[in-house]
Protein backbone atom coordinates (compact mmCIF):
# COMPACT_ATOMS: atom_id res chain seq x y z
CA MET A 1 -12.59 -54.86 4.54
CA PRO A 2 -14.21 -54.41 7.98
CA ASN A 3 -12.64 -51.71 10.12
CA PRO A 4 -9.92 -53.51 12.14
CA LEU A 5 -10.38 -51.30 15.19
CA VAL A 6 -14.06 -52.23 15.34
CA ARG A 7 -13.20 -55.93 15.00
CA LYS A 8 -10.61 -55.66 17.74
CA LEU A 9 -12.82 -53.84 20.23
CA GLU A 10 -15.64 -56.31 19.69
CA ASN A 11 -13.45 -58.95 21.31
CA PHE A 12 -14.07 -57.07 24.56
CA VAL A 13 -17.47 -55.35 24.27
CA ARG A 14 -20.51 -56.01 22.12
CA LEU A 15 -21.04 -52.90 19.98
CA SER A 16 -24.27 -51.80 18.34
CA ALA A 17 -24.47 -50.90 14.67
CA GLU A 18 -24.57 -47.22 15.64
CA GLU A 19 -21.46 -47.58 17.79
CA ARG A 20 -19.60 -49.39 15.01
CA GLN A 21 -20.51 -46.62 12.59
CA ALA A 22 -19.28 -43.97 15.04
CA LEU A 23 -15.90 -45.68 15.27
CA GLU A 24 -15.71 -46.01 11.51
CA ARG A 25 -16.42 -42.27 11.10
CA ILE A 26 -13.54 -41.18 13.32
CA THR A 27 -11.05 -43.68 11.88
CA GLN A 28 -11.16 -42.86 8.20
CA PRO A 29 -7.76 -43.21 6.46
CA THR A 30 -5.87 -39.93 6.63
CA ARG A 31 -2.23 -40.82 6.08
CA ARG A 32 -0.19 -43.32 4.07
CA LEU A 33 3.46 -44.05 4.77
CA GLY A 34 6.02 -46.35 3.23
CA ALA A 35 8.09 -48.94 5.05
CA ARG A 36 10.82 -47.73 7.42
CA GLU A 37 9.38 -44.25 7.92
CA ASP A 38 8.79 -42.49 11.22
CA VAL A 39 5.18 -41.70 12.09
CA ILE A 40 6.24 -39.41 14.94
CA ARG A 41 9.67 -38.80 16.43
CA ASP A 42 11.09 -38.52 19.92
CA GLY A 43 10.59 -34.92 21.11
CA ASP A 44 7.69 -34.14 18.75
CA ARG A 45 4.47 -32.78 20.22
CA PRO A 46 1.65 -35.31 19.74
CA ARG A 47 -1.51 -33.86 18.24
CA HIS A 48 -3.63 -36.95 17.58
CA VAL A 49 -3.88 -40.69 18.18
CA ASN A 50 -2.62 -42.85 15.33
CA VAL A 51 -4.74 -45.91 14.53
CA ILE A 52 -3.19 -48.55 12.29
CA LEU A 53 -5.67 -49.60 9.58
CA GLU A 54 -3.28 -51.48 7.28
CA GLY A 55 0.28 -52.67 7.67
CA TRP A 56 2.66 -53.16 10.60
CA ALA A 57 4.38 -50.51 12.72
CA CYS A 58 6.31 -50.37 15.98
CA ARG A 59 7.17 -48.29 19.01
CA TYR A 60 10.91 -48.01 19.55
CA LYS A 61 13.75 -46.27 21.34
CA GLN A 62 17.05 -45.49 19.67
CA LEU A 63 20.33 -44.98 21.49
CA GLU A 64 22.82 -42.32 20.48
CA ASP A 65 25.08 -44.90 18.86
CA GLY A 66 22.23 -46.15 16.63
CA ARG A 67 21.21 -49.26 18.53
CA ARG A 68 17.44 -49.76 18.50
CA GLN A 69 15.04 -51.45 20.89
CA VAL A 70 11.61 -52.28 19.49
CA ILE A 71 9.27 -51.92 22.46
CA SER A 72 6.03 -53.04 20.83
CA ILE A 73 4.61 -54.05 17.47
CA PHE A 74 1.43 -52.46 16.13
CA LEU A 75 -0.94 -54.45 13.90
CA PRO A 76 -4.13 -53.38 12.09
CA GLY A 77 -6.68 -52.23 14.64
CA ASP A 78 -4.10 -51.03 17.17
CA LEU A 79 -4.15 -47.55 18.67
CA CYS A 80 -0.69 -46.06 19.15
CA ASP A 81 -0.80 -44.48 22.61
CA PRO A 82 -4.51 -43.58 23.05
CA HIS A 83 -3.55 -41.47 26.10
CA VAL A 84 -0.87 -39.54 24.20
CA PHE A 85 -2.58 -36.14 24.67
CA VAL A 86 -1.27 -35.88 28.23
CA LEU A 87 2.30 -35.68 26.88
CA ARG A 88 3.91 -32.37 26.03
CA LYS A 89 6.36 -34.20 23.81
CA MET A 90 7.03 -37.76 22.71
CA ASP A 91 9.54 -39.78 24.71
CA HIS A 92 9.84 -42.52 22.07
CA LEU A 93 9.39 -43.00 18.33
CA LEU A 94 6.69 -44.64 16.24
CA GLY A 95 7.88 -46.09 12.97
CA THR A 96 6.55 -48.25 10.16
CA LEU A 97 7.80 -51.76 9.50
CA THR A 98 5.81 -52.08 6.25
CA PRO A 99 3.76 -49.63 4.20
CA VAL A 100 0.88 -48.51 6.41
CA VAL A 101 -2.44 -46.72 6.28
CA ILE A 102 -3.16 -44.68 9.40
CA ALA A 103 -6.17 -42.84 10.79
CA GLU A 104 -5.25 -39.71 12.73
CA VAL A 105 -7.91 -39.25 15.41
CA SER A 106 -8.15 -35.98 17.31
CA GLU A 107 -8.56 -35.67 21.07
CA THR A 108 -11.92 -33.96 20.48
CA ALA A 109 -13.18 -36.86 18.36
CA ILE A 110 -12.19 -39.42 20.98
CA ARG A 111 -13.74 -37.46 23.85
CA GLU A 112 -16.98 -36.95 21.93
CA VAL A 113 -17.41 -40.56 20.85
CA VAL A 114 -16.64 -41.85 24.36
CA HIS A 115 -19.08 -39.35 25.90
CA GLN A 116 -21.84 -40.26 23.46
CA TYR A 117 -21.22 -44.02 23.52
CA PRO A 118 -20.04 -45.24 26.96
CA ARG A 119 -19.56 -48.79 25.70
CA ILE A 120 -16.91 -47.53 23.29
CA GLY A 121 -15.19 -45.99 26.30
CA GLU A 122 -15.30 -49.33 28.08
CA ALA A 123 -13.91 -51.08 25.01
CA LEU A 124 -11.03 -48.59 24.86
CA TRP A 125 -10.28 -49.23 28.52
CA TRP A 126 -10.06 -52.94 27.76
CA GLU A 127 -7.79 -52.21 24.80
CA MET A 128 -5.42 -50.20 27.01
CA LEU A 129 -5.40 -52.88 29.72
CA VAL A 130 -4.50 -55.57 27.17
CA THR A 131 -1.76 -53.35 25.73
CA ALA A 132 -0.25 -53.07 29.22
CA ALA A 133 -0.52 -56.84 29.67
CA VAL A 134 1.29 -57.39 26.36
CA GLN A 135 4.06 -55.08 27.52
CA ARG A 136 4.45 -57.08 30.74
CA GLU A 137 4.84 -60.30 28.76
CA TRP A 138 7.50 -58.71 26.57
CA THR A 139 9.39 -57.72 29.74
CA VAL A 140 9.21 -61.30 31.00
CA SER A 141 10.49 -62.55 27.65
CA LEU A 142 13.48 -60.20 27.70
CA GLY A 143 14.30 -61.06 31.31
CA GLN A 144 13.58 -64.75 31.69
CA ARG A 145 12.55 -66.69 28.58
CA LEU A 146 15.06 -68.65 26.52
CA ALA A 147 15.59 -67.62 22.90
CA THR A 148 13.27 -70.30 21.48
CA GLU A 149 10.65 -69.40 24.09
CA ARG A 150 10.93 -65.68 23.34
CA LEU A 151 10.49 -66.11 19.63
CA GLY A 152 7.79 -68.78 19.93
CA HIS A 153 5.91 -66.64 22.44
CA LEU A 154 6.01 -63.68 20.07
CA PHE A 155 4.76 -65.81 17.16
CA CYS A 156 1.84 -67.09 19.26
CA GLU A 157 0.94 -63.59 20.41
CA LEU A 158 1.07 -61.98 16.96
CA PHE A 159 -0.89 -64.85 15.42
CA LEU A 160 -3.68 -64.53 18.01
CA ARG A 161 -3.75 -60.74 17.71
CA LEU A 162 -4.07 -61.04 13.93
CA ARG A 163 -6.75 -63.71 14.30
CA ALA A 164 -8.72 -61.36 16.56
CA VAL A 165 -9.08 -58.90 13.67
CA GLY A 166 -9.74 -61.55 11.02
CA MET A 167 -6.28 -61.55 9.45
CA THR A 168 -5.31 -65.22 9.66
CA ASN A 169 -6.02 -68.10 7.33
CA GLU A 170 -6.46 -71.27 9.37
CA THR A 171 -2.89 -71.90 10.59
CA SER A 172 -1.15 -69.11 8.63
CA CYS A 173 -0.77 -65.35 8.68
CA GLU A 174 1.20 -62.64 6.98
CA PHE A 175 4.56 -62.07 8.64
CA PRO A 176 6.33 -59.24 6.81
CA ILE A 177 9.04 -58.25 9.29
CA THR A 178 12.74 -59.06 9.11
CA GLN A 179 15.09 -61.03 11.31
CA ALA A 180 16.72 -57.72 12.27
CA ASP A 181 13.32 -56.46 13.49
CA LEU A 182 12.86 -59.63 15.52
CA GLY A 183 16.30 -59.20 17.03
CA ASP A 184 15.59 -55.59 18.00
CA ALA A 185 12.32 -56.69 19.63
CA MET A 186 13.64 -59.75 21.43
CA GLY A 187 17.08 -58.45 22.47
CA LEU A 188 18.93 -60.99 20.33
CA SER A 189 21.49 -60.66 17.56
CA THR A 190 20.47 -61.41 13.99
CA VAL A 191 22.74 -64.48 14.08
CA HIS A 192 20.98 -65.71 17.24
CA ILE A 193 17.56 -65.07 15.67
CA ASN A 194 18.56 -67.07 12.59
CA ARG A 195 19.76 -69.97 14.72
CA THR A 196 16.60 -69.92 16.83
CA LEU A 197 14.36 -69.90 13.77
CA LYS A 198 16.19 -72.97 12.49
CA GLU A 199 15.54 -74.72 15.83
CA LEU A 200 11.81 -73.91 15.69
CA ARG A 201 11.61 -75.06 12.08
CA ALA A 202 13.53 -78.28 12.77
CA SER A 203 11.16 -79.16 15.60
CA GLY A 204 8.18 -78.66 13.27
CA LEU A 205 6.71 -75.84 15.36
CA ILE A 206 6.73 -73.19 12.62
CA ARG A 207 7.16 -72.70 8.90
CA LEU A 208 8.37 -69.27 7.78
CA ARG A 209 8.55 -68.76 4.04
CA GLY A 210 8.76 -65.38 2.41
CA ARG A 211 6.23 -63.18 4.14
CA GLN A 212 4.07 -65.95 5.59
CA LEU A 213 4.18 -67.66 8.98
CA THR A 214 2.51 -71.03 9.44
CA ILE A 215 1.99 -72.59 12.86
CA PRO A 216 0.95 -76.22 12.15
CA ASP A 217 0.08 -76.99 15.78
CA LEU A 218 -0.65 -73.87 17.84
CA PRO A 219 -1.10 -75.71 21.18
CA ALA A 220 2.30 -77.37 20.68
CA LEU A 221 4.00 -74.02 20.03
CA GLN A 222 2.21 -72.53 23.04
CA ALA A 223 3.45 -75.34 25.26
CA ALA A 224 7.03 -75.10 23.97
CA SER A 225 7.01 -71.30 24.45
CA LEU A 226 5.34 -71.28 27.89
CA PHE A 227 2.59 -69.22 26.31
CA ASP A 228 -0.61 -68.60 28.27
CA PRO A 229 -3.03 -66.62 26.06
CA SER A 230 -5.14 -65.40 28.98
CA TYR A 231 -3.30 -62.03 29.09
CA LEU A 232 -4.88 -61.14 25.73
CA HIS A 233 -8.35 -61.54 27.29
CA TYR A 234 -9.93 -62.85 24.10
CA GLU A 235 -11.81 -65.41 26.20
CA ARG A 236 -14.00 -62.57 27.49
CA ASP A 237 -17.62 -62.87 26.33
CA PRO A 238 -18.58 -59.47 24.85
CA SER A 239 -22.24 -60.49 24.60
CA VAL A 240 -22.68 -59.90 28.32
CA ILE A 241 -22.32 -56.16 27.74
CA GLY A 242 -25.55 -54.73 26.35
CA ASP A 243 -27.60 -55.66 23.30
CA ASP A 244 -27.86 -54.36 19.75
């Protein structure tokens, strides 16, 4: 399977064969974790950047009474906090939602590859800017969008992010997370999530069976969810940056 980080970054910058190989060298699988395990905990000292190669993970905060807020969802190809080396200790947790395969990339490796290949540096800047844009949209969802809009918006976003790394099949994609996870991400109770899913199903906007999500008409779901995909910046033409 092609390296998902390479596939993701090529949505922003056209990479040469040598640059792709450099990224593949520094993101070899180094750690495997099961579902519902912490990758790194609040208060730990970060020593490397975690890159998700397989599986789904999340960034979250947990209150003293056990309540959890999922702040972001990580898919294959995502870097978990590429700027983490500036922190003396973590102020949040990274945890797995499914079994995952992770590449642990050192600060030295990142600095060297960016120094040697400036276009990789530019691609990483784009990746960080899109991550910030995704976070802004999640804030808008929590503050302003209705429940059906929140959930529909999330489905559109995750589907397009998976499609960007070649992990969709026409109108379907893997969707292995639970209703409790969705509730923790969208600030809704599990009962409210269940009711909202029924509304989206009844309107024909989604089909969710087992671990698979199907969006029969993506433009219709986008319209119903007030979803504008421009914040993901996948419309950018990477071919304008350099040649092979």
